[in-house]
Protein backbone atom coordinates (compact mmCIF):
# COMPACT_ATOMS: atom_id res chain seq x y z
CA UNK A 1 242.98 -71.16 132.26
CA UNK A 2 243.04 -74.16 129.90
CA UNK A 3 241.85 -73.70 126.36
CA UNK A 4 238.27 -74.68 125.64
CA UNK A 5 237.60 -77.98 123.86
CA UNK A 6 234.89 -77.95 121.20
CA UNK A 7 232.85 -80.48 119.23
CA UNK A 8 233.12 -80.04 115.47
CA UNK A 9 231.93 -83.40 114.13
CA UNK A 10 229.62 -86.26 115.07
CA UNK A 11 229.08 -89.71 113.61
CA UNK A 12 226.93 -92.61 114.76
CA UNK A 13 225.66 -96.05 113.84
CA UNK A 14 222.87 -97.00 116.20
CA UNK A 15 219.63 -98.96 116.56
CA UNK A 16 217.88 -95.70 115.60
CA UNK A 17 219.80 -95.04 112.38
CA UNK A 18 222.96 -95.33 110.34
CA UNK A 19 223.99 -91.69 110.89
CA UNK A 20 224.10 -89.26 113.79
CA UNK A 21 221.38 -87.14 112.19
CA UNK A 22 219.04 -90.09 111.70
CA UNK A 23 219.67 -91.38 115.21
CA UNK A 24 218.95 -87.95 116.72
CA UNK A 25 215.82 -87.40 114.61
CA UNK A 26 214.39 -90.76 115.66
CA UNK A 27 215.31 -90.15 119.31
CA UNK A 28 213.35 -86.87 119.25
CA UNK A 29 210.41 -88.67 117.65
CA UNK A 30 210.43 -91.39 120.31
CA UNK A 31 211.14 -94.23 117.90
CA UNK A 32 211.90 -97.58 119.51
CA UNK A 33 214.86 -99.63 118.29
CA UNK A 34 213.54 -102.84 119.88
CA UNK A 35 212.89 -105.76 117.53
CA UNK A 36 213.23 -109.56 117.49
CA UNK A 37 216.82 -110.79 117.62
CA UNK A 38 218.14 -111.74 114.16
CA UNK A 39 221.91 -111.92 114.75
CA UNK A 40 221.59 -115.41 116.24
CA UNK A 41 218.78 -117.90 116.86
CA UNK A 42 217.28 -117.07 120.28
CA UNK A 43 214.92 -120.08 120.35
CA UNK A 44 216.51 -121.51 123.51
CA UNK A 45 216.81 -118.12 125.23
CA UNK A 46 214.45 -116.38 127.63
CA UNK A 47 215.46 -113.07 126.00
CA UNK A 48 214.01 -112.72 122.49
CA UNK A 49 214.43 -109.01 121.71
CA UNK A 50 217.27 -106.54 121.29
CA UNK A 51 218.10 -103.18 119.71
CA UNK A 52 220.13 -104.28 116.71
CA UNK A 53 221.64 -101.94 114.12
CA UNK A 54 219.43 -102.47 111.08
CA UNK A 55 220.33 -102.56 107.37
CA UNK A 56 224.02 -101.98 108.02
CA UNK A 57 226.34 -102.91 105.14
CA UNK A 58 230.00 -102.68 106.14
CA UNK A 59 231.03 -102.79 102.47
CA UNK A 60 229.76 -99.20 102.24
CA UNK A 61 232.72 -98.19 104.43
CA UNK A 62 235.54 -100.57 103.52
CA UNK A 63 236.58 -103.24 101.03
CA UNK A 64 235.14 -106.76 101.12
CA UNK A 65 238.57 -108.00 102.14
CA UNK A 66 238.68 -105.68 105.16
CA UNK A 67 235.11 -106.61 106.09
CA UNK A 68 236.19 -110.24 106.43
CA UNK A 69 239.20 -109.29 108.56
CA UNK A 70 237.28 -107.12 111.04
CA UNK A 71 234.70 -107.78 113.74
CA UNK A 72 231.29 -106.13 113.63
CA UNK A 73 232.23 -103.69 116.41
CA UNK A 74 235.19 -102.58 114.27
CA UNK A 75 232.90 -102.10 111.27
CA UNK A 76 230.74 -99.80 113.38
CA UNK A 77 233.72 -97.83 114.69
CA UNK A 78 235.04 -97.12 111.20
CA UNK A 79 231.59 -96.12 109.91
CA UNK A 80 230.99 -93.68 112.77
CA UNK A 81 234.48 -92.21 112.47
CA UNK A 82 234.08 -91.68 108.73
CA UNK A 83 230.85 -89.77 109.27
CA UNK A 84 232.35 -87.69 112.09
CA UNK A 85 235.33 -86.77 109.94
CA UNK A 86 233.13 -85.78 106.99
CA UNK A 87 230.84 -83.80 109.30
CA UNK A 88 233.79 -81.87 110.72
CA UNK A 89 235.53 -81.20 107.41
CA UNK A 90 238.79 -82.24 109.05
CA UNK A 91 241.65 -83.52 106.90
CA UNK A 92 244.50 -85.53 108.35
CA UNK A 93 247.78 -84.94 106.55
CA UNK A 94 251.46 -85.67 107.09
CA UNK A 95 251.71 -82.19 108.57
CA UNK A 96 249.14 -82.71 111.35
CA UNK A 97 248.90 -86.50 111.83
CA UNK A 98 251.08 -86.50 114.95
CA UNK A 99 248.80 -83.91 116.58
CA UNK A 100 245.66 -86.04 116.14
CA UNK A 101 244.60 -88.77 118.57
CA UNK A 102 242.05 -91.58 118.52
CA UNK A 103 240.25 -92.64 121.72
CA UNK A 104 237.59 -95.08 120.55
CA UNK A 105 236.71 -97.38 123.43
CA UNK A 106 235.04 -100.75 123.78
CA UNK A 107 234.05 -102.51 126.96
CA UNK A 108 234.26 -106.00 125.48
CA UNK A 109 235.69 -105.94 121.96
CA UNK A 110 235.02 -108.62 119.34
CA UNK A 111 232.67 -110.90 121.25
CA UNK A 112 231.30 -112.59 118.11
CA UNK A 113 234.84 -113.27 116.94
CA UNK A 114 235.64 -114.77 120.35
CA UNK A 115 232.57 -117.01 120.10
CA UNK A 116 233.42 -118.09 116.58
CA UNK A 117 237.06 -118.71 117.46
CA UNK A 118 236.12 -120.90 120.42
CA UNK A 119 233.84 -122.94 118.19
CA UNK A 120 236.57 -123.40 115.56
CA UNK A 121 239.12 -124.41 118.20
CA UNK A 122 236.76 -126.96 119.76
CA UNK A 123 235.51 -128.57 116.57
CA UNK A 124 238.34 -128.06 114.03
CA UNK A 125 241.51 -127.56 116.05
CA UNK A 126 243.99 -124.73 116.56
CA UNK A 127 245.38 -124.73 113.02
CA UNK A 128 241.98 -123.66 111.70
CA UNK A 129 241.88 -120.44 113.73
CA UNK A 130 241.94 -117.27 111.65
CA UNK A 131 245.25 -115.37 111.63
CA UNK A 132 243.07 -112.27 112.15
CA UNK A 133 241.44 -113.69 115.28
CA UNK A 134 243.40 -111.51 117.72
CA UNK A 135 242.96 -108.23 115.77
CA UNK A 136 239.22 -108.99 115.52
CA UNK A 137 238.99 -109.78 119.22
CA UNK A 138 241.02 -107.05 120.91
CA UNK A 139 239.00 -104.18 122.47
CA UNK A 140 241.42 -101.60 121.05
CA UNK A 141 240.78 -102.90 117.53
CA UNK A 142 238.28 -100.17 116.68
CA UNK A 143 240.68 -97.42 117.75
CA UNK A 144 243.64 -99.03 116.03
CA UNK A 145 241.86 -99.58 112.72
CA UNK A 146 240.40 -96.06 112.66
CA UNK A 147 243.90 -94.74 113.30
CA UNK A 148 245.30 -96.87 110.48
CA UNK A 149 242.50 -95.99 108.05
CA UNK A 150 242.96 -92.25 108.60
CA UNK A 151 246.74 -92.20 109.07
CA UNK A 152 246.59 -90.91 112.65
CA UNK A 153 250.00 -90.94 114.35
CA UNK A 154 249.15 -89.39 117.71
CA UNK A 155 247.97 -91.29 120.82
CA UNK A 156 245.60 -94.08 119.81
CA UNK A 157 243.95 -96.07 122.57
CA UNK A 158 240.83 -97.64 124.02
CA UNK A 159 239.45 -97.32 127.55
CA UNK A 160 237.71 -100.34 129.09
CA UNK A 161 235.51 -99.29 132.02
CA UNK A 162 232.43 -101.39 131.23
CA UNK A 163 229.41 -99.25 130.34
CA UNK A 164 231.33 -96.08 131.19
CA UNK A 165 233.94 -96.84 128.49
CA UNK A 166 232.64 -94.42 125.86
CA UNK A 167 232.33 -91.50 128.27
CA UNK A 168 235.72 -92.24 129.81
CA UNK A 169 237.35 -92.39 126.37
CA UNK A 170 235.89 -88.98 125.53
CA UNK A 171 237.07 -87.74 128.91
CA UNK A 172 240.62 -89.02 128.27
CA UNK A 173 240.61 -87.18 124.94
CA UNK A 174 239.41 -84.01 126.69
CA UNK A 175 242.27 -84.20 129.16
CA UNK A 176 244.88 -84.77 126.44
CA UNK A 177 243.54 -81.85 124.43
CA UNK A 178 243.55 -79.54 127.46
CA UNK A 179 247.10 -80.63 128.28
CA UNK A 180 248.21 -79.66 124.78
CA UNK A 181 249.34 -83.19 123.89
CA UNK A 182 247.17 -83.13 120.74
CA UNK A 183 245.07 -80.61 118.81
CA UNK A 184 242.31 -82.95 117.60
CA UNK A 185 240.78 -86.23 118.78
CA UNK A 186 238.41 -88.76 117.32
CA UNK A 187 236.72 -89.89 120.52
CA UNK A 188 233.88 -92.29 121.20
CA UNK A 189 233.18 -96.00 121.46
CA UNK A 190 231.90 -99.04 119.61
CA UNK A 191 230.23 -102.24 120.76
CA UNK A 192 228.60 -105.34 119.31
CA UNK A 193 227.54 -107.78 122.01
CA UNK A 194 224.22 -109.07 120.67
CA UNK A 195 225.54 -112.61 120.41
CA UNK A 196 224.47 -115.86 122.02
CA UNK A 197 227.25 -115.52 124.59
CA UNK A 198 226.58 -111.84 125.31
CA UNK A 199 222.82 -112.12 125.70
CA UNK A 200 223.02 -115.41 127.60
CA UNK A 201 225.61 -114.07 130.04
CA UNK A 202 223.82 -110.80 130.74
CA UNK A 203 220.56 -112.65 131.22
CA UNK A 204 222.21 -114.92 133.81
CA UNK A 205 223.06 -111.76 135.76
CA UNK A 206 219.34 -111.06 136.00
CA UNK A 207 219.79 -107.73 134.24
CA UNK A 208 217.66 -108.23 131.11
CA UNK A 209 213.97 -107.89 130.33
CA UNK A 210 212.42 -111.20 129.28
CA UNK A 211 209.06 -110.13 127.94
CA UNK A 212 207.24 -112.04 125.21
CA UNK A 213 205.95 -108.81 123.66
CA UNK A 214 208.42 -106.06 122.74
CA UNK A 215 205.84 -103.29 122.96
CA UNK A 216 206.62 -100.88 125.78
CA UNK A 217 210.09 -102.15 126.64
CA UNK A 218 212.47 -101.18 128.18
CA UNK A 219 210.94 -98.87 130.80
CA UNK A 220 213.57 -96.69 132.49
CA UNK A 221 212.44 -95.08 135.75
CA UNK A 222 208.97 -96.66 135.46
CA UNK A 223 207.62 -98.54 138.46
CA UNK A 224 207.23 -101.67 136.29
CA UNK A 225 210.75 -101.62 134.83
CA UNK A 226 212.15 -105.13 134.64
CA UNK A 227 215.56 -104.93 133.01
CA UNK A 228 217.60 -103.65 130.13
CA UNK A 229 217.36 -104.43 126.43
CA UNK A 230 220.75 -104.94 124.80
CA UNK A 231 221.79 -102.60 122.00
CA UNK A 232 224.81 -102.19 119.75
CA UNK A 233 226.50 -99.55 117.61
CA UNK A 234 229.12 -96.82 117.68
CA UNK A 235 229.42 -93.08 118.13
CA UNK A 236 232.42 -90.83 117.47
CA UNK A 237 232.95 -87.12 118.09
CA UNK A 238 235.60 -84.88 116.60
CA UNK A 239 237.00 -82.82 119.47
CA UNK A 240 239.37 -79.90 118.93
CA UNK A 241 241.14 -77.21 120.84
CA UNK A 242 239.08 -74.08 120.22
CA UNK A 243 241.93 -72.16 118.59
CA UNK A 244 242.58 -75.03 116.17
CA UNK A 245 238.92 -75.30 115.19
CA UNK A 246 238.53 -71.56 114.67
CA UNK A 247 241.76 -71.33 112.70
CA UNK A 248 240.49 -73.81 110.13
CA UNK A 249 237.00 -72.26 110.06
CA UNK A 250 235.21 -75.29 111.47
CA UNK A 251 231.54 -75.26 112.46
CA UNK A 252 231.40 -75.57 116.26
CA UNK A 253 228.35 -77.36 117.67
CA UNK A 254 229.05 -77.33 121.40
CA UNK A 255 231.80 -77.17 123.99
CA UNK A 256 232.93 -80.24 125.90
CA UNK A 257 233.37 -78.32 129.10
CA UNK A 258 233.98 -80.88 131.83
CA UNK A 259 234.58 -84.49 132.80
CA UNK A 260 234.96 -86.53 135.96
CA UNK A 261 235.39 -90.16 136.88
CA UNK A 262 234.79 -91.82 140.25
CA UNK A 263 234.39 -95.30 141.70
CA UNK A 264 231.77 -96.70 144.06
CA UNK A 265 234.13 -99.25 145.70
CA UNK A 266 230.95 -101.14 146.52
CA UNK A 267 230.07 -104.13 144.29
CA UNK A 268 231.22 -105.49 140.94
CA UNK A 269 227.75 -105.32 139.29
CA UNK A 270 225.39 -103.45 141.64
CA UNK A 271 225.50 -99.66 142.08
CA UNK A 272 225.85 -98.18 145.54
CA UNK A 273 222.27 -97.72 146.69
CA UNK A 274 222.82 -94.17 147.92
CA UNK A 275 224.23 -93.12 144.54
CA UNK A 276 227.26 -91.53 146.21
CA UNK A 277 229.74 -92.37 143.44
CA UNK A 278 227.50 -90.98 140.72
CA UNK A 279 226.75 -87.86 142.76
CA UNK A 280 230.46 -87.21 143.32
CA UNK A 281 231.15 -87.63 139.61
CA UNK A 282 228.45 -85.10 138.71
CA UNK A 283 229.73 -82.59 141.25
CA UNK A 284 233.35 -82.98 140.13
CA UNK A 285 232.41 -82.77 136.45
CA UNK A 286 230.50 -79.52 137.03
CA UNK A 287 233.42 -78.20 139.06
CA UNK A 288 235.86 -79.04 136.24
CA UNK A 289 233.59 -77.17 133.79
CA UNK A 290 233.12 -74.17 136.05
CA UNK A 291 229.34 -74.49 135.96
CA UNK A 292 226.82 -74.29 138.77
CA UNK A 293 223.97 -76.75 139.32
CA UNK A 294 221.43 -74.10 138.29
CA UNK A 295 223.18 -73.79 134.89
CA UNK A 296 222.21 -77.36 133.94
CA UNK A 297 219.20 -77.61 131.65
CA UNK A 298 219.23 -81.31 130.80
CA UNK A 299 220.59 -84.60 132.13
CA UNK A 300 220.93 -87.62 129.88
CA UNK A 301 220.69 -90.35 132.49
CA UNK A 302 222.41 -93.72 132.48
CA UNK A 303 218.85 -95.01 132.96
CA UNK A 304 219.19 -98.72 132.18
CA UNK A 305 215.66 -99.77 133.29
CA UNK A 306 217.01 -102.11 135.95
CA UNK A 307 215.36 -101.69 139.36
CA UNK A 308 218.62 -100.99 141.21
CA UNK A 309 220.26 -98.63 138.71
CA UNK A 310 217.37 -96.25 138.16
CA UNK A 311 216.64 -95.80 141.85
CA UNK A 312 220.33 -95.28 142.69
CA UNK A 313 220.80 -92.80 139.84
CA UNK A 314 217.75 -90.83 140.96
CA UNK A 315 219.28 -90.57 144.44
CA UNK A 316 222.60 -89.54 142.90
CA UNK A 317 220.99 -86.72 140.93
CA UNK A 318 219.19 -85.49 144.04
CA UNK A 319 222.42 -85.61 146.04
CA UNK A 320 224.28 -83.63 143.37
CA UNK A 321 221.58 -81.04 142.67
CA UNK A 322 219.46 -80.84 145.83
CA UNK A 323 215.99 -79.38 145.28
CA UNK A 324 217.05 -78.20 141.81
CA UNK A 325 216.91 -81.84 140.70
CA UNK A 326 213.12 -81.62 140.45
CA UNK A 327 213.34 -78.80 137.89
CA UNK A 328 215.83 -80.40 135.48
CA UNK A 329 214.57 -82.53 132.56
CA UNK A 330 216.14 -85.99 132.86
CA UNK A 331 215.70 -88.61 130.16
CA UNK A 332 216.97 -92.06 129.33
CA UNK A 333 217.49 -92.50 125.60
CA UNK A 334 218.22 -96.17 126.35
CA UNK A 335 214.42 -96.48 126.29
CA UNK A 336 214.89 -96.22 122.49
CA UNK A 337 218.45 -97.35 121.72
CA UNK A 338 218.68 -100.09 124.30
CA UNK A 339 221.88 -100.41 126.29
CA UNK A 340 224.76 -100.27 123.80
CA UNK A 341 227.19 -101.22 126.59
CA UNK A 342 230.46 -99.26 126.23
CA UNK A 343 229.17 -97.34 123.21
CA UNK A 344 226.09 -95.87 124.86
CA UNK A 345 227.92 -93.10 126.69
CA UNK A 346 229.41 -91.89 123.41
CA UNK A 347 226.04 -91.79 121.63
CA UNK A 348 224.48 -90.03 124.60
CA UNK A 349 227.26 -87.41 124.48
CA UNK A 350 226.19 -86.72 120.89
CA UNK A 351 222.58 -86.43 122.02
CA UNK A 352 223.65 -83.92 124.68
CA UNK A 353 225.60 -81.91 122.11
CA UNK A 354 222.56 -81.81 119.86
CA UNK A 355 220.34 -80.85 122.82
CA UNK A 356 222.43 -77.78 123.66
CA UNK A 357 222.81 -76.86 119.98
CA UNK A 358 219.07 -77.08 119.25
CA UNK A 359 217.44 -76.49 122.67
CA UNK A 360 215.50 -79.73 122.37
CA UNK A 361 215.66 -82.77 124.66
CA UNK A 362 214.65 -86.34 123.77
CA UNK A 363 212.08 -88.25 125.79
CA UNK A 364 212.05 -91.33 127.96
CA UNK A 365 209.59 -93.50 126.05
CA UNK A 366 207.53 -96.35 127.56
CA UNK A 367 207.06 -94.33 130.75
CA UNK A 368 203.62 -95.16 132.16
CA UNK A 369 203.60 -95.71 135.93
CA UNK A 370 205.47 -93.36 138.31
CA UNK A 371 207.71 -94.96 140.92
CA UNK A 372 207.90 -93.22 144.34
CA UNK A 373 211.65 -93.98 144.34
CA UNK A 374 212.07 -92.31 140.94
CA UNK A 375 210.25 -89.01 141.21
CA UNK A 376 212.09 -86.61 138.89
CA UNK A 377 211.02 -85.12 135.55
CA UNK A 378 211.89 -87.92 133.13
CA UNK A 379 210.50 -86.17 130.00
CA UNK A 380 207.88 -88.89 129.54
CA UNK A 381 207.14 -90.07 126.00
CA UNK A 382 207.44 -86.71 124.20
CA UNK A 383 210.47 -84.63 123.27
CA UNK A 384 210.53 -81.13 124.67
CA UNK A 385 211.76 -77.72 123.52
CA UNK A 386 213.54 -76.09 126.45
CA UNK A 387 216.56 -73.81 126.80
CA UNK A 388 219.63 -75.97 127.38
CA UNK A 389 222.71 -73.97 128.30
CA UNK A 390 224.46 -77.00 129.83
CA UNK A 391 223.77 -80.73 129.48
CA UNK A 392 225.17 -83.54 131.59
CA UNK A 393 225.70 -87.09 130.35
CA UNK A 394 225.91 -89.87 132.95
CA UNK A 395 227.54 -93.23 132.25
CA UNK A 396 227.93 -95.83 134.99
CA UNK A 397 229.45 -99.30 134.63
CA UNK A 398 230.10 -102.66 136.23
CA UNK A 399 233.07 -102.43 138.54
CA UNK A 400 231.57 -99.33 140.15
CA UNK A 401 232.75 -96.94 137.42
CA UNK A 402 231.06 -93.53 137.12
CA UNK A 403 231.87 -91.16 134.26
CA UNK A 404 230.16 -87.81 133.70
CA UNK A 405 230.57 -85.39 130.79
CA UNK A 406 229.48 -81.75 130.82
CA UNK A 407 228.53 -80.24 127.45
CA UNK A 408 227.89 -76.51 127.18
CA UNK A 409 226.37 -74.29 124.51
CA UNK A 410 229.20 -72.72 122.55
CA UNK A 411 229.53 -68.96 122.60
CA UNK A 412 232.58 -67.13 121.34
C-alpha cells in the first residue's frame, strides 16, 4: 500500500482575500467577489464585471525589480507559495532541496504580457520588446519562479489542461509523492486572464454573463444562470508524504487521498451532455482513494453557471453516486470567486481541505430559482455545518478534460 499524502500548508490570493484564511472566511460568509472591471477599460465590451483580486501589492512579496520582470499571474503564484510555506513551517535547505517539487500550473500563462508585447511589436517594432517577454509569458513561469525563489531542485513543472490545470497539477504531485520521487510538493495553480483579450475572447465563445447589474451574478445551477464571471488568483498547497510530515512535527490538515483524470473525447469547448467523462473521473478518483460513495460528505462542483456545464455536471454526479447524489451537499464556490480558469481547481482543493478539517461547507450564493435539470442539494446561499469525512473537488476544462481530487479527514 502506498504511503498516504497529507496537506500541511495552504496559501491563496483570490477575489475573496489575499490569504487562504481570508478567502475561506469570506466563502463561508457568502461574500461575492464580483465588481466592475478595473484592470482595463471595458467601455466597448458587453461584459463589465469580473472577480478581480483586490488591493494586491506584489512589492509585499518581491523586490520592485522582480515585480517589473514578472507577469501578474507570476506575482500571484509567488504570493500564494510564500503563504503556503509559512503555514506549513517547511524549510527548504541544501539537504532536502532535491526531494522537493513544484507543480504550479497555469492554463494560459502571462496573457497581459502577451497583449502588451503584441502592442509593442505592432507600434514600436521588435527591438522594443522586453528581454523578459518570454519568461513573463510562459505558462510554466509561476512554477519556475517559485522554484527559483525557494531553491527547489526537484521536479518543477506546470500542467496545462485548461480549467482542470490546477487540479491536474495537484494530481501530478500526488502521483510523484506516492511513487517516492519526492517527499514534498508545492502544488497548485495561478491565473490572471482579466484582460481585454481574455474577456473579449471568452465573451465571443458565449460563455460569459453580460448583465448590467452585478447583483446576483453568477448563478450556478440556478434556472436563470446565464454564464460565468471571470476571476483570477492563485492557490498553493504543501503536500507531503505522511512519514515526512510526522517526522518534522508538521500540523496535518487533511489527506489528499485520491485523484483521477479522464477525457470526454466529445467537443473542444462543450461538455458531453450525459456527463460520462466527469462521472468516470469521480468513480476512478474514489477508487484510487479507497473510499465508497457513501463516505463522501461534500462535493465542490465545477459549477461555472453556464447552461451546458451545470446540467452536465449534475448528470455526472448522479451517474457516479446514484440515489446517494441527492443526499450529498454540492456547492459551487465560483458563485463567489468567479471562474479563476486554471487556478480555480487549486483554490477549491483548499476549500475542500478546510471543509473536512472544520466540518463546514461553503454555499452556492445567488441561488434563487430551481432548475428541473439541476435538482441536487446545492447548499443555497448559506454555509452549513455538516460532518465531512471525505470531500470531492471537480474541475473540468475545455478540451474535454476532467480532473477530480478526493480529500479525506486525516486520522492517524
